[in-house]
C-alpha atoms as a PDB file:
ATOM      1  CA  UNK A   1    -137.183  30.015 -89.126  1.00  0.00           C
ATOM      2  CA  UNK A   2    -137.252  33.750 -88.865  1.00  0.00           C
ATOM      3  CA  UNK A   3    -134.888  36.060 -91.127  1.00  0.00           C
ATOM      4  CA  UNK A   4    -133.945  39.664 -89.392  1.00  0.00           C
ATOM      5  CA  UNK A   5    -131.846  42.229 -90.187  1.00  0.00           C
ATOM      6  CA  UNK A   6    -130.461  44.910 -87.797  1.00  0.00           C
ATOM      7  CA  UNK A   7    -128.466  47.697 -88.496  1.00  0.00           C
ATOM      8  CA  UNK A   8    -125.862  48.178 -85.883  1.00  0.00           C
ATOM      9  CA  UNK A   9    -124.674  51.953 -84.375  1.00  0.00           C
ATOM     10  CA  UNK A  10    -122.078  52.330 -86.414  1.00  0.00           C
ATOM     11  CA  UNK A  11    -123.951  51.543 -89.255  1.00  0.00           C
ATOM     12  CA  UNK A  12    -122.883  48.201 -90.087  1.00  0.00           C
ATOM     13  CA  UNK A  13    -125.531  45.572 -90.703  1.00  0.00           C
ATOM     14  CA  UNK A  14    -126.670  42.240 -88.963  1.00  0.00           C
ATOM     15  CA  UNK A  15    -128.456  39.520 -90.329  1.00  0.00           C
ATOM     16  CA  UNK A  16    -130.485  36.974 -88.177  1.00  0.00           C
ATOM     17  CA  UNK A  17    -130.990  33.674 -89.167  1.00  0.00           C
ATOM     18  CA  UNK A  18    -133.119  32.312 -86.085  1.00  0.00           C
ATOM     19  CA  UNK A  19    -134.591  28.665 -86.313  1.00  0.00           C
ATOM     20  CA  UNK A  20    -137.837  28.380 -84.501  1.00  0.00           C
ATOM     21  CA  UNK A  21    -137.819  26.815 -81.042  1.00  0.00           C
ATOM     22  CA  UNK A  22    -138.575  23.160 -80.941  1.00  0.00           C
ATOM     23  CA  UNK A  23    -140.002  22.906 -77.543  1.00  0.00           C
ATOM     24  CA  UNK A  24    -141.143  25.803 -75.426  1.00  0.00           C
ATOM     25  CA  UNK A  25    -138.503  27.596 -73.001  1.00  0.00           C
ATOM     26  CA  UNK A  26    -136.101  26.210 -75.991  1.00  0.00           C
ATOM     27  CA  UNK A  27    -133.104  29.174 -74.914  1.00  0.00           C
ATOM     28  CA  UNK A  28    -130.540  26.938 -74.552  1.00  0.00           C
ATOM     29  CA  UNK A  29    -128.890  27.777 -78.083  1.00  0.00           C
ATOM     30  CA  UNK A  30    -125.699  29.221 -79.677  1.00  0.00           C
ATOM     31  CA  UNK A  31    -125.668  31.854 -80.827  1.00  0.00           C
ATOM     32  CA  UNK A  32    -122.959  32.648 -83.929  1.00  0.00           C
ATOM     33  CA  UNK A  33    -121.799  35.835 -85.860  1.00  0.00           C
ATOM     34  CA  UNK A  34    -120.076  35.069 -89.372  1.00  0.00           C
ATOM     35  CA  UNK A  35    -117.852  37.358 -90.669  1.00  0.00           C
ATOM     36  CA  UNK A  36    -117.510  36.826 -94.246  1.00  0.00           C
ATOM     37  CA  UNK A  37    -113.882  37.062 -96.134  1.00  0.00           C
ATOM     38  CA  UNK A  38    -113.355  39.323 -99.045  1.00  0.00           C
ATOM     39  CA  UNK A  39    -109.625  40.525 -98.316  1.00  0.00           C
ATOM     40  CA  UNK A  40    -111.351  44.181 -97.010  1.00  0.00           C
ATOM     41  CA  UNK A  41    -112.604  44.781 -99.880  1.00  0.00           C
ATOM     42  CA  UNK A  42    -115.464  42.999-100.287  1.00  0.00           C
ATOM     43  CA  UNK A  43    -117.819  39.646 -98.813  1.00  0.00           C
ATOM     44  CA  UNK A  44    -118.173  36.454 -99.945  1.00  0.00           C
ATOM     45  CA  UNK A  45    -122.306  35.247 -99.799  1.00  0.00           C
ATOM     46  CA  UNK A  46    -120.591  31.976 -99.583  1.00  0.00           C
ATOM     47  CA  UNK A  47    -119.442  32.689 -96.309  1.00  0.00           C
ATOM     48  CA  UNK A  48    -122.448  34.188 -94.815  1.00  0.00           C
ATOM     49  CA  UNK A  49    -125.597  33.267 -95.496  1.00  0.00           C
ATOM     50  CA  UNK A  50    -124.965  29.970 -97.188  1.00  0.00           C
ATOM     51  CA  UNK A  51    -123.086  29.216 -93.869  1.00  0.00           C
ATOM     52  CA  UNK A  52    -126.019  30.919 -91.858  1.00  0.00           C
ATOM     53  CA  UNK A  53    -128.174  28.824 -93.265  1.00  0.00           C
ATOM     54  CA  UNK A  54    -125.763  25.680 -93.117  1.00  0.00           C
ATOM     55  CA  UNK A  55    -125.698  26.493 -89.211  1.00  0.00           C
ATOM     56  CA  UNK A  56    -129.314  27.571 -88.006  1.00  0.00           C
ATOM     57  CA  UNK A  57    -129.581  23.675 -89.367  1.00  0.00           C
ATOM     58  CA  UNK A  58    -128.253  22.212 -86.609  1.00  0.00           C
ATOM     59  CA  UNK A  59    -129.972  24.549 -84.820  1.00  0.00           C
ATOM     60  CA  UNK A  60    -127.571  27.741 -84.372  1.00  0.00           C
ATOM     61  CA  UNK A  61    -128.834  31.082 -84.132  1.00  0.00           C
ATOM     62  CA  UNK A  62    -126.695  33.199 -86.757  1.00  0.00           C
ATOM     63  CA  UNK A  63    -126.125  36.264 -87.662  1.00  0.00           C
ATOM     64  CA  UNK A  64    -124.239  37.117 -91.143  1.00  0.00           C
ATOM     65  CA  UNK A  65    -122.110  40.966 -90.133  1.00  0.00           C
ATOM     66  CA  UNK A  66    -121.510  43.296 -93.428  1.00  0.00           C
ATOM     67  CA  UNK A  67    -118.738  45.064 -91.385  1.00  0.00           C
ATOM     68  CA  UNK A  68    -117.518  48.097 -93.414  1.00  0.00           C
ATOM     69  CA  UNK A  69    -114.667  47.653 -95.535  1.00  0.00           C
ATOM     70  CA  UNK A  70    -111.944  49.600 -97.949  1.00  0.00           C
ATOM     71  CA  UNK A  71    -111.897  52.590 -97.289  1.00  0.00           C
ATOM     72  CA  UNK A  72    -112.620  52.260 -93.483  1.00  0.00           C
ATOM     73  CA  UNK A  73    -110.294  51.701 -91.051  1.00  0.00           C
ATOM     74  CA  UNK A  74    -109.421  49.804 -87.926  1.00  0.00           C
ATOM     75  CA  UNK A  75    -110.738  49.676 -85.479  1.00  0.00           C
ATOM     76  CA  UNK A  76    -113.518  50.319 -87.766  1.00  0.00           C
ATOM     77  CA  UNK A  77    -114.152  46.745 -88.277  1.00  0.00           C
ATOM     78  CA  UNK A  78    -113.094  45.680 -84.836  1.00  0.00           C
ATOM     79  CA  UNK A  79    -116.008  47.673 -83.655  1.00  0.00           C
ATOM     80  CA  UNK A  80    -118.716  46.207 -85.952  1.00  0.00           C
ATOM     81  CA  UNK A  81    -117.543  42.915 -84.819  1.00  0.00           C
ATOM     82  CA  UNK A  82    -117.840  43.832 -80.634  1.00  0.00           C
ATOM     83  CA  UNK A  83    -121.163  46.132 -81.509  1.00  0.00           C
ATOM     84  CA  UNK A  84    -122.310  42.719 -82.957  1.00  0.00           C
ATOM     85  CA  UNK A  85    -121.459  40.501 -80.246  1.00  0.00           C
ATOM     86  CA  UNK A  86    -122.876  42.707 -77.467  1.00  0.00           C
ATOM     87  CA  UNK A  87    -126.103  43.310 -79.175  1.00  0.00           C
ATOM     88  CA  UNK A  88    -127.049  39.707 -80.037  1.00  0.00           C
ATOM     89  CA  UNK A  89    -126.310  39.290 -76.072  1.00  0.00           C
ATOM     90  CA  UNK A  90    -128.690  41.599 -75.323  1.00  0.00           C
ATOM     91  CA  UNK A  91    -131.298  39.999 -77.156  1.00  0.00           C
ATOM     92  CA  UNK A  92    -130.470  36.871 -76.400  1.00  0.00           C
ATOM     93  CA  UNK A  93    -134.015  35.826 -75.274  1.00  0.00           C
ATOM     94  CA  UNK A  94    -135.827  36.593 -78.239  1.00  0.00           C
ATOM     95  CA  UNK A  95    -132.986  35.033 -80.093  1.00  0.00           C
ATOM     96  CA  UNK A  96    -133.586  31.582 -77.804  1.00  0.00           C
ATOM     97  CA  UNK A  97    -129.498  31.612 -77.003  1.00  0.00           C
ATOM     98  CA  UNK A  98    -128.473  31.792 -74.174  1.00  0.00           C
ATOM     99  CA  UNK A  99    -125.839  35.317 -72.859  1.00  0.00           C
ATOM    100  CA  UNK A 100    -122.540  32.610 -71.981  1.00  0.00           C
ATOM    101  CA  UNK A 101    -123.196  30.788 -75.104  1.00  0.00           C
ATOM    102  CA  UNK A 102    -122.281  33.507 -77.950  1.00  0.00           C
ATOM    103  CA  UNK A 103    -119.092  33.030 -80.650  1.00  0.00           C
ATOM    104  CA  UNK A 104    -118.119  34.395 -83.502  1.00  0.00           C
ATOM    105  CA  UNK A 105    -116.605  32.700 -86.717  1.00  0.00           C
ATOM    106  CA  UNK A 106    -114.215  34.503 -89.610  1.00  0.00           C
ATOM    107  CA  UNK A 107    -113.076  33.243 -92.981  1.00  0.00           C
ATOM    108  CA  UNK A 108    -110.103  34.345 -94.802  1.00  0.00           C
ATOM    109  CA  UNK A 109    -110.235  38.478 -93.763  1.00  0.00           C
ATOM    110  CA  UNK A 110    -113.474  37.567 -91.948  1.00  0.00           C
ATOM    111  CA  UNK A 111    -111.225  36.051 -90.068  1.00  0.00           C
ATOM    112  CA  UNK A 112    -108.901  38.789 -89.081  1.00  0.00           C
ATOM    113  CA  UNK A 113    -111.950  40.731 -88.244  1.00  0.00           C
ATOM    114  CA  UNK A 114    -113.432  37.563 -85.520  1.00  0.00           C
ATOM    115  CA  UNK A 115    -109.750  36.609 -84.396  1.00  0.00           C
ATOM    116  CA  UNK A 116    -109.345  41.188 -83.463  1.00  0.00           C
ATOM    117  CA  UNK A 117    -112.268  40.957 -81.595  1.00  0.00           C
ATOM    118  CA  UNK A 118    -111.418  37.625 -80.497  1.00  0.00           C
ATOM    119  CA  UNK A 119    -107.466  38.925 -78.820  1.00  0.00           C
ATOM    120  CA  UNK A 120    -108.742  42.919 -78.243  1.00  0.00           C
ATOM    121  CA  UNK A 121    -112.386  42.423 -76.747  1.00  0.00           C
ATOM    122  CA  UNK A 122    -110.333  43.304 -73.189  1.00  0.00           C
ATOM    123  CA  UNK A 123    -109.384  46.605 -73.937  1.00  0.00           C
ATOM    124  CA  UNK A 124    -111.746  49.042 -72.661  1.00  0.00           C
ATOM    125  CA  UNK A 125    -110.616  51.729 -74.513  1.00  0.00           C
ATOM    126  CA  UNK A 126    -111.073  49.830 -78.186  1.00  0.00           C
ATOM    127  CA  UNK A 127    -114.591  48.570 -76.680  1.00  0.00           C
ATOM    128  CA  UNK A 128    -115.481  52.423 -76.122  1.00  0.00           C
ATOM    129  CA  UNK A 129    -114.917  53.447 -79.150  1.00  0.00           C
ATOM    130  CA  UNK A 130    -117.644  50.758 -80.510  1.00  0.00           C
ATOM    131  CA  UNK A 131    -119.731  51.879 -77.225  1.00  0.00           C
ATOM    132  CA  UNK A 132    -119.916  48.651 -75.271  1.00  0.00           C
ATOM    133  CA  UNK A 133    -118.662  47.426 -72.500  1.00  0.00           C
ATOM    134  CA  UNK A 134    -115.484  44.307 -72.750  1.00  0.00           C
ATOM    135  CA  UNK A 135    -118.164  41.984 -70.870  1.00  0.00           C
ATOM    136  CA  UNK A 136    -121.232  42.927 -73.380  1.00  0.00           C
ATOM    137  CA  UNK A 137    -118.222  42.349 -76.651  1.00  0.00           C
ATOM    138  CA  UNK A 138    -116.514  39.082 -75.525  1.00  0.00           C
ATOM    139  CA  UNK A 139    -117.355  36.217 -77.660  1.00  0.00           C
ATOM    140  CA  UNK A 140    -117.022  32.775 -75.614  1.00  0.00           C
ATOM    141  CA  UNK A 141    -115.625  31.174 -79.049  1.00  0.00           C
ATOM    142  CA  UNK A 142    -113.849  31.841 -82.045  1.00  0.00           C
ATOM    143  CA  UNK A 143    -114.058  30.098 -85.286  1.00  0.00           C
ATOM    144  CA  UNK A 144    -111.232  30.850 -87.455  1.00  0.00           C
ATOM    145  CA  UNK A 145    -111.800  29.133 -90.800  1.00  0.00           C
ATOM    146  CA  UNK A 146    -107.842  29.691 -93.233  1.00  0.00           C
ATOM    147  CA  UNK A 147    -107.671  33.333 -90.881  1.00  0.00           C
ATOM    148  CA  UNK A 148    -105.270  36.488 -92.093  1.00  0.00           C
ATOM    149  CA  UNK A 149    -103.546  36.378 -88.788  1.00  0.00           C
ATOM    150  CA  UNK A 150     -99.910  37.697 -89.391  1.00  0.00           C
ATOM    151  CA  UNK A 151     -98.989  41.083 -90.700  1.00  0.00           C
ATOM    152  CA  UNK A 152     -94.878  39.029 -90.862  1.00  0.00           C
ATOM    153  CA  UNK A 153     -93.183  37.134 -93.660  1.00  0.00           C
ATOM    154  CA  UNK A 154     -96.282  35.200 -94.471  1.00  0.00           C
ATOM    155  CA  UNK A 155     -99.172  37.848 -94.573  1.00  0.00           C
ATOM    156  CA  UNK A 156    -101.426  38.570 -97.069  1.00  0.00           C
ATOM    157  CA  UNK A 157    -100.319  41.435 -97.690  1.00  0.00           C
ATOM    158  CA  UNK A 158    -104.122  42.482 -99.479  1.00  0.00           C
ATOM    159  CA  UNK A 159    -105.684  42.451 -96.591  1.00  0.00           C
ATOM    160  CA  UNK A 160    -103.771  44.901 -94.648  1.00  0.00           C
ATOM    161  CA  UNK A 161    -103.220  46.922 -97.331  1.00  0.00           C
ATOM    162  CA  UNK A 162    -106.575  47.651 -97.279  1.00  0.00           C
ATOM    163  CA  UNK A 163    -107.101  47.323 -93.416  1.00  0.00           C
ATOM    164  CA  UNK A 164    -105.035  50.457 -93.121  1.00  0.00           C
ATOM    165  CA  UNK A 165    -104.668  52.173 -96.397  1.00  0.00           C
ATOM    166  CA  UNK A 166    -100.762  52.202 -96.129  1.00  0.00           C
ATOM    167  CA  UNK A 167     -98.516  49.896 -97.545  1.00  0.00           C
ATOM    168  CA  UNK A 168     -95.617  49.981 -95.387  1.00  0.00           C
ATOM    169  CA  UNK A 169     -95.428  46.883 -93.668  1.00  0.00           C
ATOM    170  CA  UNK A 170     -94.691  48.405 -90.227  1.00  0.00           C
ATOM    171  CA  UNK A 171     -97.506  49.935 -90.024  1.00  0.00           C
ATOM    172  CA  UNK A 172     -99.170  46.720 -90.683  1.00  0.00           C
ATOM    173  CA  UNK A 173     -97.491  45.124 -87.508  1.00  0.00           C
ATOM    174  CA  UNK A 174     -99.591  46.027 -84.798  1.00  0.00           C
ATOM    175  CA  UNK A 175    -102.369  43.980 -86.031  1.00  0.00           C
ATOM    176  CA  UNK A 176    -100.610  40.742 -86.188  1.00  0.00           C
ATOM    177  CA  UNK A 177    -103.301  39.028 -84.092  1.00  0.00           C
ATOM    178  CA  UNK A 178    -100.821  36.738 -82.817  1.00  0.00           C
ATOM    179  CA  UNK A 179     -98.905  39.182 -81.359  1.00  0.00           C
ATOM    180  CA  UNK A 180    -101.597  39.879 -78.640  1.00  0.00           C
ATOM    181  CA  UNK A 181    -103.198  36.698 -77.909  1.00  0.00           C
ATOM    182  CA  UNK A 182    -104.121  36.400 -73.859  1.00  0.00           C
ATOM    183  CA  UNK A 183    -104.932  33.748 -71.631  1.00  0.00           C
ATOM    184  CA  UNK A 184    -108.221  36.238 -72.158  1.00  0.00           C
ATOM    185  CA  UNK A 185    -108.469  34.642 -75.929  1.00  0.00           C
ATOM    186  CA  UNK A 186    -111.726  32.586 -75.787  1.00  0.00           C
ATOM    187  CA  UNK A 187    -111.305  28.923 -76.969  1.00  0.00           C
ATOM    188  CA  UNK A 188    -110.553  28.559 -80.777  1.00  0.00           C
ATOM    189  CA  UNK A 189    -111.492  26.192 -83.286  1.00  0.00           C
ATOM    190  CA  UNK A 190    -109.006  26.895 -86.552  1.00  0.00           C
ATOM    191  CA  UNK A 191    -109.035  25.020 -89.848  1.00  0.00           C
ATOM    192  CA  UNK A 192    -106.445  25.723 -92.982  1.00  0.00           C
ATOM    193  CA  UNK A 193    -104.711  23.899 -96.086  1.00  0.00           C
ATOM    194  CA  UNK A 194    -101.989  22.810 -96.833  1.00  0.00           C
ATOM    195  CA  UNK A 195    -101.868  23.912-100.191  1.00  0.00           C
ATOM    196  CA  UNK A 196    -103.449  27.923 -99.646  1.00  0.00           C
ATOM    197  CA  UNK A 197    -101.532  29.652-102.110  1.00  0.00           C
ATOM    198  CA  UNK A 198    -103.364  33.782-100.721  1.00  0.00           C
ATOM    199  CA  UNK A 199    -103.522  32.424 -97.152  1.00  0.00           C
ATOM    200  CA  UNK A 200     -99.909  30.710 -95.744  1.00  0.00           C
ATOM    201  CA  UNK A 201    -101.449  27.527 -93.958  1.00  0.00           C
ATOM    202  CA  UNK A 202     -98.562  30.223 -91.248  1.00  0.00           C
ATOM    203  CA  UNK A 203    -100.978  32.365 -90.435  1.00  0.00           C
ATOM    204  CA  UNK A 204    -102.584  29.219 -88.505  1.00  0.00           C
ATOM    205  CA  UNK A 205     -99.890  27.793 -87.217  1.00  0.00           C
ATOM    206  CA  UNK A 206     -99.132  30.928 -86.106  1.00  0.00           C
ATOM    207  CA  UNK A 207    -102.232  31.368 -83.495  1.00  0.00           C
ATOM    208  CA  UNK A 208    -102.367  27.970 -82.500  1.00  0.00           C
ATOM    209  CA  UNK A 209     -98.986  28.416 -80.853  1.00  0.00           C
ATOM    210  CA  UNK A 210     -99.474  31.504 -79.685  1.00  0.00           C
ATOM    211  CA  UNK A 211    -103.356  29.972 -78.160  1.00  0.00           C
ATOM    212  CA  UNK A 212    -100.904  27.373 -76.954  1.00  0.00           C
ATOM    213  CA  UNK A 213     -98.261  29.450 -74.552  1.00  0.00           C
ATOM    214  CA  UNK A 214    -101.215  31.137 -73.150  1.00  0.00           C
ATOM    215  CA  UNK A 215    -102.948  28.415 -72.439  1.00  0.00           C
ATOM    216  CA  UNK A 216    -105.947  28.951 -74.585  1.00  0.00           C
ATOM    217  CA  UNK A 217    -108.065  26.242 -75.496  1.00  0.00           C
ATOM    218  CA  UNK A 218    -107.917  25.339 -78.940  1.00  0.00           C
ATOM    219  CA  UNK A 219    -108.572  22.632 -81.653  1.00  0.00           C
ATOM    220  CA  UNK A 220    -106.915  23.186 -84.734  1.00  0.00           C
ATOM    221  CA  UNK A 221    -107.356  20.443 -88.276  1.00  0.00           C
ATOM    222  CA  UNK A 222    -104.421  20.944 -91.034  1.00  0.00           C
ATOM    223  CA  UNK A 223    -106.146  19.391 -94.609  1.00  0.00           C
ATOM    224  CA  UNK A 224    -103.225  18.170 -96.686  1.00  0.00           C
ATOM    225  CA  UNK A 225    -104.893  19.570-100.065  1.00  0.00           C
ATOM    226  CA  UNK A 226    -107.278  22.052-101.123  1.00  0.00           C
ATOM    227  CA  UNK A 227    -106.611  25.774-102.252  1.00  0.00           C
ATOM    228  CA  UNK A 228    -108.101  28.992-100.478  1.00  0.00           C
ATOM    229  CA  UNK A 229    -111.873  29.734 -99.649  1.00  0.00           C
ATOM    230  CA  UNK A 230    -112.824  26.444-100.134  1.00  0.00           C
ATOM    231  CA  UNK A 231    -116.268  27.285 -97.552  1.00  0.00           C
ATOM    232  CA  UNK A 232    -118.086  24.119 -96.926  1.00  0.00           C
ATOM    233  CA  UNK A 233    -115.822  22.882 -99.452  1.00  0.00           C
ATOM    234  CA  UNK A 234    -119.040  21.279-101.315  1.00  0.00           C
ATOM    235  CA  UNK A 235    -121.443  21.997-103.523  1.00  0.00           C
ATOM    236  CA  UNK A 236    -123.160  24.593-102.131  1.00  0.00           C
ATOM    237  CA  UNK A 237    -120.532  26.888-102.118  1.00  0.00           C
ATOM    238  CA  UNK A 238    -118.202  25.253-104.949  1.00  0.00           C
ATOM    239  CA  UNK A 239    -117.753  28.064-107.578  1.00  0.00           C
ATOM    240  CA  UNK A 240    -118.845  26.519-111.251  1.00  0.00           C
ATOM    241  CA  UNK A 241    -115.682  26.982-113.222  1.00  0.00           C
ATOM    242  CA  UNK A 242    -112.947  26.385-110.877  1.00  0.00           C
ATOM    243  CA  UNK A 243    -111.725  23.125-110.082  1.00  0.00           C
ATOM    244  CA  UNK A 244    -110.661  21.667-106.769  1.00  0.00           C
ATOM    245  CA  UNK A 245    -113.218  22.997-104.527  1.00  0.00           C
ATOM    246  CA  UNK A 246    -115.368  19.933-103.591  1.00  0.00           C
ATOM    247  CA  UNK A 247    -113.280  17.419-101.454  1.00  0.00           C
ATOM    248  CA  UNK A 248    -115.203  15.165 -98.905  1.00  0.00           C
ATOM    249  CA  UNK A 249    -111.745  15.165 -96.704  1.00  0.00           C
ATOM    250  CA  UNK A 250    -112.564  19.206 -95.535  1.00  0.00           C
ATOM    251  CA  UNK A 251    -116.081  18.843 -95.749  1.00  0.00           C
ATOM    252  CA  UNK A 252    -116.269  17.359 -91.666  1.00  0.00           C
ATOM    253  CA  UNK A 253    -114.669  20.763 -90.234  1.00  0.00           C
ATOM    254  CA  UNK A 254    -118.647  22.062 -90.199  1.00  0.00           C
ATOM    255  CA  UNK A 255    -119.365  19.155 -87.347  1.00  0.00           C
ATOM    256  CA  UNK A 256    -116.181  19.321 -85.637  1.00  0.00           C
ATOM    257  CA  UNK A 257    -116.335  23.212 -85.306  1.00  0.00           C
ATOM    258  CA  UNK A 258    -120.334  22.976 -83.614  1.00  0.00           C
ATOM    259  CA  UNK A 259    -119.008  20.122 -81.336  1.00  0.00           C
ATOM    260  CA  UNK A 260    -116.514  22.100 -80.511  1.00  0.00           C
ATOM    261  CA  UNK A 261    -118.792  24.837 -79.666  1.00  0.00           C
ATOM    262  CA  UNK A 262    -120.949  22.837 -77.611  1.00  0.00           C
ATOM    263  CA  UNK A 263    -118.255  21.582 -75.263  1.00  0.00           C
ATOM    264  CA  UNK A 264    -115.999  24.941 -74.774  1.00  0.00           C
ATOM    265  CA  UNK A 265    -119.717  27.112 -74.125  1.00  0.00           C
END
């Protein structure tokens, strides 16, 4: 495996985990940009490097995006994600991937970063701020894990305060992603737990409804048990001293998401 750290034009960093080709000409792999969660105030290592190593073991070229945090405001994080996908696409050959097989994955607030690119990649004005074209920044698929989606009643309010610098809900509403889904939004894999007490499950349900209404292909998993931030839901990502983070029924999302990506890209 090759490790590479790239500083993007806006100052965010992208850390690559590139599996070695198994055979000559092995350049058909998936590229995956991973956005860890952390409420726009920090980045969870459990949802970054550990996730990249797991997917790299499946032959996926992975890239963990260390996007800007509070006090940097929207659209800085969207621009970070756009630059990340564009960079991976422009270097697809050296990363042993196909330029039309680049997905973005996000956890919690990182799901809002990923989802923002998914709904706004075709916005020429926003992409111009990132210094890329819409086609360069387009994700071919998304994986959203217990994502922050809505800025309405079921919002994770702290994420939107950190994103906007405002406690006024009216300042948050423009970034409610379910309101911006369109037929141009890429195929999306979503999962959440029914018991999530930090980011309510309605975030995923609202996104799923919006995807359905726009005719976007999606796969949705709602698990009955487990709290927020489960990551792999196994021993690798469980936090010592916290019960209920090892849930075998949830662990299958990793392979399910990988299968989904291979089917839609």
